[in-house]
């Protein structure tokens, strides 16, 4: 899993230690919840956060959706609206592939 946004879900309590399994995560947004307690030290092991990335390294990604109502697969681009420096910003699939962010606010 590379992108996980669980923003505004009314979560309470501390971050579970299972968050340590997200070593390939590039974007983790848990903002606007009611989280408390310490941040697990294992987040320093999120290896994808530490790797340098450039557009030259970018290889296009696409996502397939298969629904039971029609035949065939359909592809779509991944876009996300994220809080960035206090304002909402739209990131397209290419921008998301380069973005590395943790938001626990």
Protein backbone atom coordinates (compact mmCIF):
# COMPACT_ATOMS: atom_id res chain seq x y z
CA UNK A 1 0.00 0.00 0.00
CA UNK A 2 1.43 3.36 -1.01
CA UNK A 3 -1.36 5.84 -0.19
CA UNK A 4 -3.60 5.76 2.88
CA UNK A 5 -5.93 8.62 3.71
CA UNK A 6 -8.19 8.12 6.70
CA UNK A 7 -8.83 11.79 7.28
CA UNK A 8 -11.90 12.93 9.26
CA UNK A 9 -13.04 9.48 10.43
CA UNK A 10 -13.64 10.27 14.12
CA UNK A 11 -10.86 7.90 15.21
CA UNK A 12 -9.98 8.11 18.91
CA UNK A 13 -7.04 6.87 20.94
CA UNK A 14 -3.46 6.19 20.00
CA UNK A 15 -1.98 4.92 16.77
CA UNK A 16 -1.91 1.11 16.73
CA UNK A 17 1.47 -0.61 16.43
CA UNK A 18 0.20 -2.32 13.26
CA UNK A 19 0.96 0.96 11.53
CA UNK A 20 4.57 -0.29 11.57
CA UNK A 21 3.72 -2.72 8.76
CA UNK A 22 3.25 0.16 6.28
CA UNK A 23 6.90 0.22 5.24
CA UNK A 24 6.06 1.06 1.60
CA UNK A 25 3.71 3.91 2.45
CA UNK A 26 4.39 7.23 0.73
CA UNK A 27 1.38 9.17 1.93
CA UNK A 28 -0.25 8.70 5.32
CA UNK A 29 -3.05 11.12 6.21
CA UNK A 30 -4.71 10.62 9.59
CA UNK A 31 -5.54 14.30 10.07
CA UNK A 32 -8.74 15.66 11.59
CA UNK A 33 -9.31 12.70 13.88
CA UNK A 34 -9.09 12.65 17.67
CA UNK A 35 -5.82 10.75 18.03
CA UNK A 36 -3.72 11.03 21.18
CA UNK A 37 -0.70 9.40 22.74
CA UNK A 38 2.78 8.87 21.42
CA UNK A 39 3.73 8.43 17.80
CA UNK A 40 5.24 4.94 17.36
CA UNK A 41 8.98 5.16 16.74
CA UNK A 42 8.67 2.58 13.97
CA UNK A 43 7.54 5.27 11.51
CA UNK A 44 11.23 6.06 11.09
CA UNK A 45 11.38 2.72 9.25
CA UNK A 46 8.98 3.78 6.48
CA UNK A 47 11.60 3.10 3.82
CA UNK A 48 9.65 4.66 0.92
CA UNK A 49 9.67 7.99 2.73
CA UNK A 50 13.47 8.06 2.77
CA UNK A 51 14.06 7.19 -0.89
CA UNK A 52 14.81 9.96 -3.36
CA UNK A 53 12.33 10.14 -6.21
CA UNK A 54 12.37 12.08 -9.46
CA UNK A 55 10.22 12.33 -12.55
CA UNK A 56 12.90 10.36 -14.37
CA UNK A 57 12.16 7.42 -12.06
CA UNK A 58 8.42 7.73 -12.56
CA UNK A 59 6.84 4.85 -14.40
CA UNK A 60 3.19 5.38 -15.19
CA UNK A 61 0.75 3.60 -12.94
CA UNK A 62 -2.81 2.77 -13.72
CA UNK A 63 -5.50 1.16 -11.64
CA UNK A 64 -8.04 -1.34 -12.89
CA UNK A 65 -11.62 -1.52 -11.75
CA UNK A 66 -13.80 -4.51 -12.50
CA UNK A 67 -17.45 -4.26 -11.60
CA UNK A 68 -20.04 -6.99 -11.92
CA UNK A 69 -22.51 -4.88 -13.89
CA UNK A 70 -20.57 -4.59 -17.13
CA UNK A 71 -17.98 -6.71 -18.81
CA UNK A 72 -14.35 -5.70 -19.07
CA UNK A 73 -11.86 -3.77 -17.01
CA UNK A 74 -11.69 0.01 -16.83
CA UNK A 75 -8.65 2.04 -15.90
CA UNK A 76 -8.61 5.34 -14.05
CA UNK A 77 -6.06 7.86 -12.88
CA UNK A 78 -5.54 8.39 -9.17
CA UNK A 79 -6.09 11.98 -8.01
CA UNK A 80 -6.35 13.28 -4.47
CA UNK A 81 -7.20 16.52 -2.71
CA UNK A 82 -4.87 16.92 0.25
CA UNK A 83 -4.14 19.62 2.77
CA UNK A 84 -0.77 21.10 1.89
CA UNK A 85 0.62 23.97 3.97
CA UNK A 86 -2.83 24.89 5.27
CA UNK A 87 -4.79 24.82 2.00
CA UNK A 88 -6.43 22.14 -0.12
CA UNK A 89 -4.39 21.12 -3.14
CA UNK A 90 -5.19 18.72 -5.97
CA UNK A 91 -2.49 16.17 -6.72
CA UNK A 92 -2.69 14.10 -9.88
CA UNK A 93 -1.36 10.57 -10.23
CA UNK A 94 2.09 11.80 -11.28
CA UNK A 95 2.33 14.27 -8.40
CA UNK A 96 1.16 11.63 -5.96
CA UNK A 97 3.86 9.25 -7.11
CA UNK A 98 6.48 11.83 -6.08
CA UNK A 99 4.78 13.02 -2.89
CA UNK A 100 5.89 11.76 0.50
CA UNK A 101 3.84 12.98 3.42
CA UNK A 102 2.64 12.12 6.90
CA UNK A 103 -0.17 14.22 8.37
CA UNK A 104 -1.15 13.43 11.94
CA UNK A 105 -2.61 16.86 12.71
